[in-house]
PDB file of all heavy atoms in Angstrom:
ATOM      1  N   ALA A   1      94.046  89.424  97.371  1.00  0.00           N
ATOM      2  CA  ALA A   1      94.675  90.079  96.229  1.00  0.00           C
ATOM      3  C   ALA A   1      95.678  89.156  95.547  1.00  0.00           C
ATOM      4  O   ALA A   1      95.755  89.093  94.310  1.00  0.00           O
ATOM      5  CB  ALA A   1      95.360  91.367  96.684  1.00  0.00           C
ATOM      6  N   ALA A   2      96.435  88.405  96.335  1.00  0.00           N
ATOM      7  CA  ALA A   2      97.417  87.484  95.768  1.00  0.00           C
ATOM      8  C   ALA A   2      96.734  86.354  95.012  1.00  0.00           C
ATOM      9  O   ALA A   2      97.192  85.939  93.942  1.00  0.00           O
ATOM     10  CB  ALA A   2      98.307  86.915  96.871  1.00  0.00           C
ATOM     11  N   ALA A   3      95.636  85.841  95.549  1.00  0.00           N
ATOM     12  CA  ALA A   3      94.893  84.776  94.876  1.00  0.00           C
ATOM     13  C   ALA A   3      94.366  85.254  93.528  1.00  0.00           C
ATOM     14  O   ALA A   3      94.424  84.534  92.526  1.00  0.00           O
ATOM     15  CB  ALA A   3      93.744  84.297  95.750  1.00  0.00           C
ATOM     16  N   ALA A   4      93.868  86.486  93.492  1.00  0.00           N
ATOM     17  CA  ALA A   4      93.344  87.031  92.238  1.00  0.00           C
ATOM     18  C   ALA A   4      94.441  87.159  91.193  1.00  0.00           C
ATOM     19  O   ALA A   4      94.257  86.804  90.016  1.00  0.00           O
ATOM     20  CB  ALA A   4      92.703  88.394  92.481  1.00  0.00           C
ATOM     21  N   SER A   5      95.620  87.641  91.585  1.00  0.00           N
ATOM     22  CA  SER A   5      96.718  87.780  90.629  1.00  0.00           C
ATOM     23  C   SER A   5      97.217  86.418  90.166  1.00  0.00           C
ATOM     24  O   SER A   5      97.585  86.239  89.004  1.00  0.00           O
ATOM     25  CB  SER A   5      97.870  88.586  91.245  1.00  0.00           C
ATOM     26  OG  SER A   5      98.524  87.850  92.267  1.00  0.00           O
ATOM     27  N   GLY A   6      97.205  85.425  91.057  1.00  0.00           N
ATOM     28  CA  GLY A   6      97.634  84.082  90.687  1.00  0.00           C
ATOM     29  C   GLY A   6      96.694  83.435  89.696  1.00  0.00           C
ATOM     30  O   GLY A   6      97.123  82.731  88.783  1.00  0.00           O
ATOM     31  N   ALA A   7      95.395  83.677  89.846  1.00  0.00           N
ATOM     32  CA  ALA A   7      94.416  83.117  88.914  1.00  0.00           C
ATOM     33  C   ALA A   7      94.621  83.677  87.513  1.00  0.00           C
ATOM     34  O   ALA A   7      94.467  82.972  86.514  1.00  0.00           O
ATOM     35  CB  ALA A   7      93.004  83.423  89.398  1.00  0.00           C
ATOM     36  N   LEU A   8      95.007  84.940  87.425  1.00  0.00           N
ATOM     37  CA  LEU A   8      95.233  85.573  86.123  1.00  0.00           C
ATOM     38  C   LEU A   8      96.438  84.977  85.402  1.00  0.00           C
ATOM     39  O   LEU A   8      96.434  84.829  84.180  1.00  0.00           O
ATOM     40  CB  LEU A   8      95.439  87.083  86.305  1.00  0.00           C
ATOM     41  CG  LEU A   8      94.213  87.889  86.727  1.00  0.00           C
ATOM     42  CD1 LEU A   8      94.611  89.327  87.024  1.00  0.00           C
ATOM     43  CD2 LEU A   8      93.154  87.858  85.625  1.00  0.00           C
ATOM     44  N   GLY A   9      97.485  84.632  86.172  1.00  0.00           N
ATOM     45  CA  GLY A   9      98.712  84.157  85.541  1.00  0.00           C
ATOM     46  C   GLY A   9      98.945  82.675  85.644  1.00  0.00           C
ATOM     47  O   GLY A   9      99.985  82.180  85.215  1.00  0.00           O
ATOM     48  N   GLY A  10      97.988  81.927  86.177  1.00  0.00           N
ATOM     49  CA  GLY A  10      98.207  80.525  86.492  1.00  0.00           C
ATOM     50  C   GLY A  10      98.560  79.639  85.330  1.00  0.00           C
ATOM     51  O   GLY A  10      99.381  78.737  85.454  1.00  0.00           O
ATOM     52  N   ALA A  11      97.953  79.863  84.188  1.00  0.00           N
ATOM     53  CA  ALA A  11      98.164  78.930  83.085  1.00  0.00           C
ATOM     54  C   ALA A  11      98.775  79.604  81.867  1.00  0.00           C
ATOM     55  O   ALA A  11      98.751  79.053  80.782  1.00  0.00           O
ATOM     56  CB  ALA A  11      96.820  78.302  82.693  1.00  0.00           C
ATOM     57  N   GLY A  12      99.363  80.771  82.057  1.00  0.00           N
ATOM     58  CA  GLY A  12      99.853  81.535  80.911  1.00  0.00           C
ATOM     59  C   GLY A  12     101.306  81.343  80.571  1.00  0.00           C
ATOM     60  O   GLY A  12     101.816  81.991  79.641  1.00  0.00           O
ATOM     61  N   GLY A  13     102.032  80.505  81.315  1.00  0.00           N
ATOM     62  CA  GLY A  13     103.426  80.256  81.001  1.00  0.00           C
ATOM     63  C   GLY A  13     104.329  81.439  81.321  1.00  0.00           C
ATOM     64  O   GLY A  13     103.987  82.336  82.103  1.00  0.00           O
ATOM     65  N   LEU A  14     105.501  81.462  80.672  1.00  0.00           N
ATOM     66  CA  LEU A  14     106.514  82.471  80.947  1.00  0.00           C
ATOM     67  C   LEU A  14     106.050  83.895  80.639  1.00  0.00           C
ATOM     68  O   LEU A  14     106.323  84.813  81.429  1.00  0.00           O
ATOM     69  CB  LEU A  14     107.801  82.146  80.182  1.00  0.00           C
ATOM     70  CG  LEU A  14     109.072  82.878  80.626  1.00  0.00           C
ATOM     71  CD1 LEU A  14     109.357  82.631  82.098  1.00  0.00           C
ATOM     72  CD2 LEU A  14     110.254  82.446  79.761  1.00  0.00           C
ATOM     73  N   PRO A  15     105.354  84.141  79.523  1.00  0.00           N
ATOM     74  CA  PRO A  15     104.873  85.513  79.273  1.00  0.00           C
ATOM     75  C   PRO A  15     103.963  86.018  80.386  1.00  0.00           C
ATOM     76  O   PRO A  15     104.044  87.182  80.789  1.00  0.00           O
ATOM     77  CB  PRO A  15     104.112  85.381  77.946  1.00  0.00           C
ATOM     78  CG  PRO A  15     104.734  84.205  77.273  1.00  0.00           C
ATOM     79  CD  PRO A  15     105.061  83.246  78.388  1.00  0.00           C
ATOM     80  N   ALA A  16     103.095  85.147  80.896  1.00  0.00           N
ATOM     81  CA  ALA A  16     102.199  85.552  81.983  1.00  0.00           C
ATOM     82  C   ALA A  16     102.974  85.802  83.269  1.00  0.00           C
ATOM     83  O   ALA A  16     102.624  86.693  84.059  1.00  0.00           O
ATOM     84  CB  ALA A  16     101.138  84.486  82.213  1.00  0.00           C
ATOM     85  N   LEU A  17     104.046  85.021  83.498  1.00  0.00           N
ATOM     86  CA  LEU A  17     104.847  85.206  84.704  1.00  0.00           C
ATOM     87  C   LEU A  17     105.445  86.606  84.746  1.00  0.00           C
ATOM     88  O   LEU A  17     105.491  87.240  85.798  1.00  0.00           O
ATOM     89  CB  LEU A  17     105.965  84.160  84.754  1.00  0.00           C
ATOM     90  CG  LEU A  17     106.872  84.223  85.997  1.00  0.00           C
ATOM     91  CD1 LEU A  17     106.122  83.741  87.232  1.00  0.00           C
ATOM     92  CD2 LEU A  17     108.142  83.397  85.789  1.00  0.00           C
ATOM     93  N   ALA A  18     105.891  87.104  83.602  1.00  0.00           N
ATOM     94  CA  ALA A  18     106.500  88.429  83.537  1.00  0.00           C
ATOM     95  C   ALA A  18     105.505  89.527  83.886  1.00  0.00           C
ATOM     96  O   ALA A  18     105.898  90.621  84.300  1.00  0.00           O
ATOM     97  CB  ALA A  18     107.076  88.676  82.142  1.00  0.00           C
ATOM     98  N   ILE A  19     104.217  89.238  83.731  1.00  0.00           N
ATOM     99  CA  ILE A  19     103.172  90.203  84.078  1.00  0.00           C
ATOM    100  C   ILE A  19     102.683  89.988  85.504  1.00  0.00           C
ATOM    101  O   ILE A  19     102.513  90.927  86.280  1.00  0.00           O
ATOM    102  CB  ILE A  19     101.990  90.090  83.098  1.00  0.00           C
ATOM    103  CG1 ILE A  19     102.457  90.416  81.670  1.00  0.00           C
ATOM    104  CG2 ILE A  19     100.849  91.005  83.520  1.00  0.00           C
ATOM    105  CD1 ILE A  19     101.420  90.123  80.608  1.00  0.00           C
ATOM    106  N   GLU A  20     102.459  88.713  85.854  1.00  0.00           N
ATOM    107  CA  GLU A  20     101.870  88.388  87.153  1.00  0.00           C
ATOM    108  C   GLU A  20     102.862  88.521  88.300  1.00  0.00           C
ATOM    109  O   GLU A  20     102.491  88.965  89.395  1.00  0.00           O
ATOM    110  CB  GLU A  20     101.312  86.957  87.108  1.00  0.00           C
ATOM    111  CG  GLU A  20     100.583  86.511  88.373  1.00  0.00           C
ATOM    112  CD  GLU A  20     101.486  85.791  89.364  1.00  0.00           C
ATOM    113  OE1 GLU A  20     102.454  85.145  88.930  1.00  0.00           O
ATOM    114  OE2 GLU A  20     101.222  85.895  90.573  1.00  0.00           O
ATOM    115  N   LEU A  21     104.135  88.166  88.084  1.00  0.00           N
ATOM    116  CA  LEU A  21     105.103  88.157  89.186  1.00  0.00           C
ATOM    117  C   LEU A  21     105.332  89.541  89.796  1.00  0.00           C
ATOM    118  O   LEU A  21     105.349  89.663  91.025  1.00  0.00           O
ATOM    119  CB  LEU A  21     106.430  87.537  88.742  1.00  0.00           C
ATOM    120  CG  LEU A  21     107.472  87.369  89.854  1.00  0.00           C
ATOM    121  CD1 LEU A  21     106.957  86.450  90.948  1.00  0.00           C
ATOM    122  CD2 LEU A  21     108.786  86.837  89.287  1.00  0.00           C
ATOM    123  N   PRO A  22     105.514  90.595  88.993  1.00  0.00           N
ATOM    124  CA  PRO A  22     105.664  91.921  89.627  1.00  0.00           C
ATOM    125  C   PRO A  22     104.459  92.300  90.483  1.00  0.00           C
ATOM    126  O   PRO A  22     104.610  92.891  91.556  1.00  0.00           O
ATOM    127  CB  PRO A  22     105.816  92.868  88.428  1.00  0.00           C
ATOM    128  CG  PRO A  22     106.354  92.016  87.339  1.00  0.00           C
ATOM    129  CD  PRO A  22     105.707  90.677  87.537  1.00  0.00           C
ATOM    130  N   LEU A  23     103.259  91.938  90.015  1.00  0.00           N
ATOM    131  CA  LEU A  23     102.048  92.251  90.772  1.00  0.00           C
ATOM    132  C   LEU A  23     101.992  91.464  92.072  1.00  0.00           C
ATOM    133  O   LEU A  23     101.781  92.024  93.156  1.00  0.00           O
ATOM    134  CB  LEU A  23     100.818  91.966  89.915  1.00  0.00           C
ATOM    135  CG  LEU A  23      99.447  92.172  90.583  1.00  0.00           C
ATOM    136  CD1 LEU A  23      99.301  93.605  91.076  1.00  0.00           C
ATOM    137  CD2 LEU A  23      98.325  91.803  89.619  1.00  0.00           C
ATOM    138  N   SER A  24     102.190  90.154  91.983  1.00  0.00           N
ATOM    139  CA  SER A  24     102.096  89.325  93.188  1.00  0.00           C
ATOM    140  C   SER A  24     103.233  89.632  94.165  1.00  0.00           C
ATOM    141  O   SER A  24     103.026  89.607  95.392  1.00  0.00           O
ATOM    142  CB  SER A  24     102.101  87.836  92.820  1.00  0.00           C
ATOM    143  OG  SER A  24     103.291  87.473  92.166  1.00  0.00           O
ATOM    144  N   THR A  25     104.428  89.950  93.644  1.00  0.00           N
ATOM    145  CA  THR A  25     105.545  90.287  94.524  1.00  0.00           C
ATOM    146  C   THR A  25     105.279  91.590  95.264  1.00  0.00           C
ATOM    147  O   THR A  25     105.609  91.726  96.451  1.00  0.00           O
ATOM    148  CB  THR A  25     106.853  90.386  93.711  1.00  0.00           C
ATOM    149  OG1 THR A  25     107.086  89.156  93.027  1.00  0.00           O
ATOM    150  CG2 THR A  25     108.044  90.666  94.629  1.00  0.00           C
ATOM    151  N   THR A  26     104.670  92.551  94.588  1.00  0.00           N
ATOM    152  CA  THR A  26     104.308  93.815  95.237  1.00  0.00           C
ATOM    153  C   THR A  26     103.273  93.583  96.328  1.00  0.00           C
ATOM    154  O   THR A  26     103.354  94.166  97.422  1.00  0.00           O
ATOM    155  CB  THR A  26     103.772  94.820  94.203  1.00  0.00           C
ATOM    156  OG1 THR A  26     104.797  95.101  93.238  1.00  0.00           O
ATOM    157  CG2 THR A  26     103.348  96.122  94.872  1.00  0.00           C
ATOM    158  N   ILE A  27     102.309  92.714  96.052  1.00  0.00           N
ATOM    159  CA  ILE A  27     101.300  92.397  97.064  1.00  0.00           C
ATOM    160  C   ILE A  27     101.951  91.750  98.285  1.00  0.00           C
ATOM    161  O   ILE A  27     101.649  92.099  99.436  1.00  0.00           O
ATOM    162  CB  ILE A  27     100.221  91.470  96.475  1.00  0.00           C
ATOM    163  CG1 ILE A  27      99.414  92.213  95.404  1.00  0.00           C
ATOM    164  CG2 ILE A  27      99.280  90.954  97.572  1.00  0.00           C
ATOM    165  CD1 ILE A  27      98.522  91.310  94.576  1.00  0.00           C
ATOM    166  N   ILE A  28     102.854  90.808  98.042  1.00  0.00           N
ATOM    167  CA  ILE A  28     103.553  90.149  99.151  1.00  0.00           C
ATOM    168  C   ILE A  28     104.394  91.158  99.920  1.00  0.00           C
ATOM    169  O   ILE A  28     104.420  91.162 101.160  1.00  0.00           O
ATOM    170  CB  ILE A  28     104.416  88.987  98.644  1.00  0.00           C
ATOM    171  CG1 ILE A  28     103.537  87.883  98.054  1.00  0.00           C
ATOM    172  CG2 ILE A  28     105.273  88.416  99.776  1.00  0.00           C
ATOM    173  CD1 ILE A  28     104.311  86.798  97.333  1.00  0.00           C
ATOM    174  N   MET A  29     105.085  92.049  99.194  1.00  0.00           N
ATOM    175  CA  MET A  29     105.917  93.055  99.853  1.00  0.00           C
ATOM    176  C   MET A  29     105.075  93.963 100.750  1.00  0.00           C
ATOM    177  O   MET A  29     105.466  94.298 101.870  1.00  0.00           O
ATOM    178  CB  MET A  29     106.659  93.896  98.818  1.00  0.00           C
ATOM    179  CG  MET A  29     107.626  94.919  99.416  1.00  0.00           C
ATOM    180  SD  MET A  29     109.073  94.157 100.180  1.00  0.00           S
ATOM    181  CE  MET A  29     110.060  93.819  98.712  1.00  0.00           C
ATOM    182  N   ARG A  30     103.904  94.348 100.261  1.00  0.00           N
ATOM    183  CA  ARG A  30     103.020  95.182 101.076  1.00  0.00           C
ATOM    184  C   ARG A  30     102.533  94.406 102.307  1.00  0.00           C
ATOM    185  O   ARG A  30     102.389  94.982 103.397  1.00  0.00           O
ATOM    186  CB  ARG A  30     101.836  95.680 100.256  1.00  0.00           C
ATOM    187  CG  ARG A  30     102.192  96.722  99.218  1.00  0.00           C
ATOM    188  CD  ARG A  30     100.966  97.301  98.547  1.00  0.00           C
ATOM    189  NE  ARG A  30     100.197  98.140  99.463  1.00  0.00           N
ATOM    190  CZ  ARG A  30     100.421  99.431  99.674  1.00  0.00           C
ATOM    191  NH1 ARG A  30     101.425 100.040  99.058  1.00  0.00           N
ATOM    192  NH2 ARG A  30      99.662 100.125 100.507  1.00  0.00           N
ATOM    193  N   ALA A  31     102.271  93.113 102.140  1.00  0.00           N
ATOM    194  CA  ALA A  31     101.855  92.288 103.278  1.00  0.00           C
ATOM    195  C   ALA A  31     102.963  92.199 104.314  1.00  0.00           C
ATOM    196  O   ALA A  31     102.709  92.277 105.524  1.00  0.00           O
ATOM    197  CB  ALA A  31     101.464  90.893 102.792  1.00  0.00           C
ATOM    198  N   VAL A  32     104.193  92.044 103.852  1.00  0.00           N
ATOM    199  CA  VAL A  32     105.348  91.974 104.749  1.00  0.00           C
ATOM    200  C   VAL A  32     105.517  93.302 105.495  1.00  0.00           C
ATOM    201  O   VAL A  32     105.716  93.334 106.718  1.00  0.00           O
ATOM    202  CB  VAL A  32     106.623  91.626 103.959  1.00  0.00           C
ATOM    203  CG1 VAL A  32     107.881  91.842 104.800  1.00  0.00           C
ATOM    204  CG2 VAL A  32     106.563  90.181 103.462  1.00  0.00           C
ATOM    205  N   ALA A  33     105.436  94.406 104.751  1.00  0.00           N
ATOM    206  CA  ALA A  33     105.579  95.728 105.369  1.00  0.00           C
ATOM    207  C   ALA A  33     104.451  95.997 106.360  1.00  0.00           C
ATOM    208  O   ALA A  33     104.663  96.621 107.412  1.00  0.00           O
ATOM    209  CB  ALA A  33     105.602  96.798 104.285  1.00  0.00           C
ATOM    210  N   ASP A  34     103.268  95.526 106.027  1.00  0.00           N
ATOM    211  CA  ASP A  34     102.107  95.675 106.914  1.00  0.00           C
ATOM    212  C   ASP A  34     102.372  94.988 108.252  1.00  0.00           C
ATOM    213  O   ASP A  34     102.067  95.521 109.331  1.00  0.00           O
ATOM    214  CB  ASP A  34     100.887  95.063 106.215  1.00  0.00           C
ATOM    215  CG  ASP A  34      99.565  95.436 106.878  1.00  0.00           C
ATOM    216  OD1 ASP A  34      99.483  96.526 107.481  1.00  0.00           O
ATOM    217  OD2 ASP A  34      98.609  94.642 106.758  1.00  0.00           O
ATOM    218  N   ILE A  35     102.964  93.809 108.205  1.00  0.00           N
ATOM    219  CA  ILE A  35     103.286  93.065 109.425  1.00  0.00           C
ATOM    220  C   ILE A  35     104.409  93.749 110.186  1.00  0.00           C
ATOM    221  O   ILE A  35     104.372  93.842 111.420  1.00  0.00           O
ATOM    222  CB  ILE A  35     103.641  91.610 109.074  1.00  0.00           C
ATOM    223  CG1 ILE A  35     102.380  90.861 108.630  1.00  0.00           C
ATOM    224  CG2 ILE A  35     104.303  90.900 110.257  1.00  0.00           C
ATOM    225  CD1 ILE A  35     102.633  89.515 108.007  1.00  0.00           C
ATOM    226  N   ALA A  36     105.416  94.247 109.460  1.00  0.00           N
ATOM    227  CA  ALA A  36     106.510  94.975 110.118  1.00  0.00           C
ATOM    228  C   ALA A  36     105.964  96.163 110.900  1.00  0.00           C
ATOM    229  O   ALA A  36     106.335  96.396 112.061  1.00  0.00           O
ATOM    230  CB  ALA A  36     107.520  95.449 109.076  1.00  0.00           C
ATOM    231  N   ARG A  37     105.072  96.895 110.274  1.00  0.00           N
ATOM    232  CA  ARG A  37     104.463  98.055 110.926  1.00  0.00           C
ATOM    233  C   ARG A  37     103.657  97.628 112.159  1.00  0.00           C
ATOM    234  O   ARG A  37     103.685  98.294 113.201  1.00  0.00           O
ATOM    235  CB  ARG A  37     103.573  98.787 109.926  1.00  0.00           C
ATOM    236  CG  ARG A  37     102.950 100.068 110.450  1.00  0.00           C
ATOM    237  CD  ARG A  37     102.189 100.792 109.351  1.00  0.00           C
ATOM    238  NE  ARG A  37     101.159  99.945 108.743  1.00  0.00           N
ATOM    239  CZ  ARG A  37     100.445 100.305 107.687  1.00  0.00           C
ATOM    240  NH1 ARG A  37     100.658 101.460 107.092  1.00  0.00           N
ATOM    241  NH2 ARG A  37      99.530  99.484 107.194  1.00  0.00           N
ATOM    242  N   SER A  38     102.948  96.495 112.051  1.00  0.00           N
ATOM    243  CA  SER A  38     102.131  96.033 113.176  1.00  0.00           C
ATOM    244  C   SER A  38     102.987  95.612 114.369  1.00  0.00           C
ATOM    245  O   SER A  38     102.513  95.609 115.507  1.00  0.00           O
ATOM    246  CB  SER A  38     101.246  94.858 112.736  1.00  0.00           C
ATOM    247  OG  SER A  38     101.986  93.654 112.616  1.00  0.00           O
ATOM    248  N   GLU A  39     104.257  95.251 114.104  1.00  0.00           N
ATOM    249  CA  GLU A  39     105.171  94.884 115.191  1.00  0.00           C
ATOM    250  C   GLU A  39     105.920  96.104 115.743  1.00  0.00           C
ATOM    251  O   GLU A  39     106.819  95.961 116.568  1.00  0.00           O
ATOM    252  CB  GLU A  39     106.179  93.835 114.701  1.00  0.00           C
ATOM    253  CG  GLU A  39     105.586  92.453 114.489  1.00  0.00           C
ATOM    254  CD  GLU A  39     105.187  91.741 115.782  1.00  0.00           C
ATOM    255  OE1 GLU A  39     105.741  92.112 116.848  1.00  0.00           O
ATOM    256  OE2 GLU A  39     104.330  90.844 115.736  1.00  0.00           O
TER     257      GLU A  39
END
């Protein structure tokens, strides 16, 4: 999921970052929470 969001925002500059970063950060946060739960 993170790779897919990165491909969408990879070459779009600052405007793309404002769209891609919330998505990728949410994916990372869910991954972190998933690991917390597994521990």
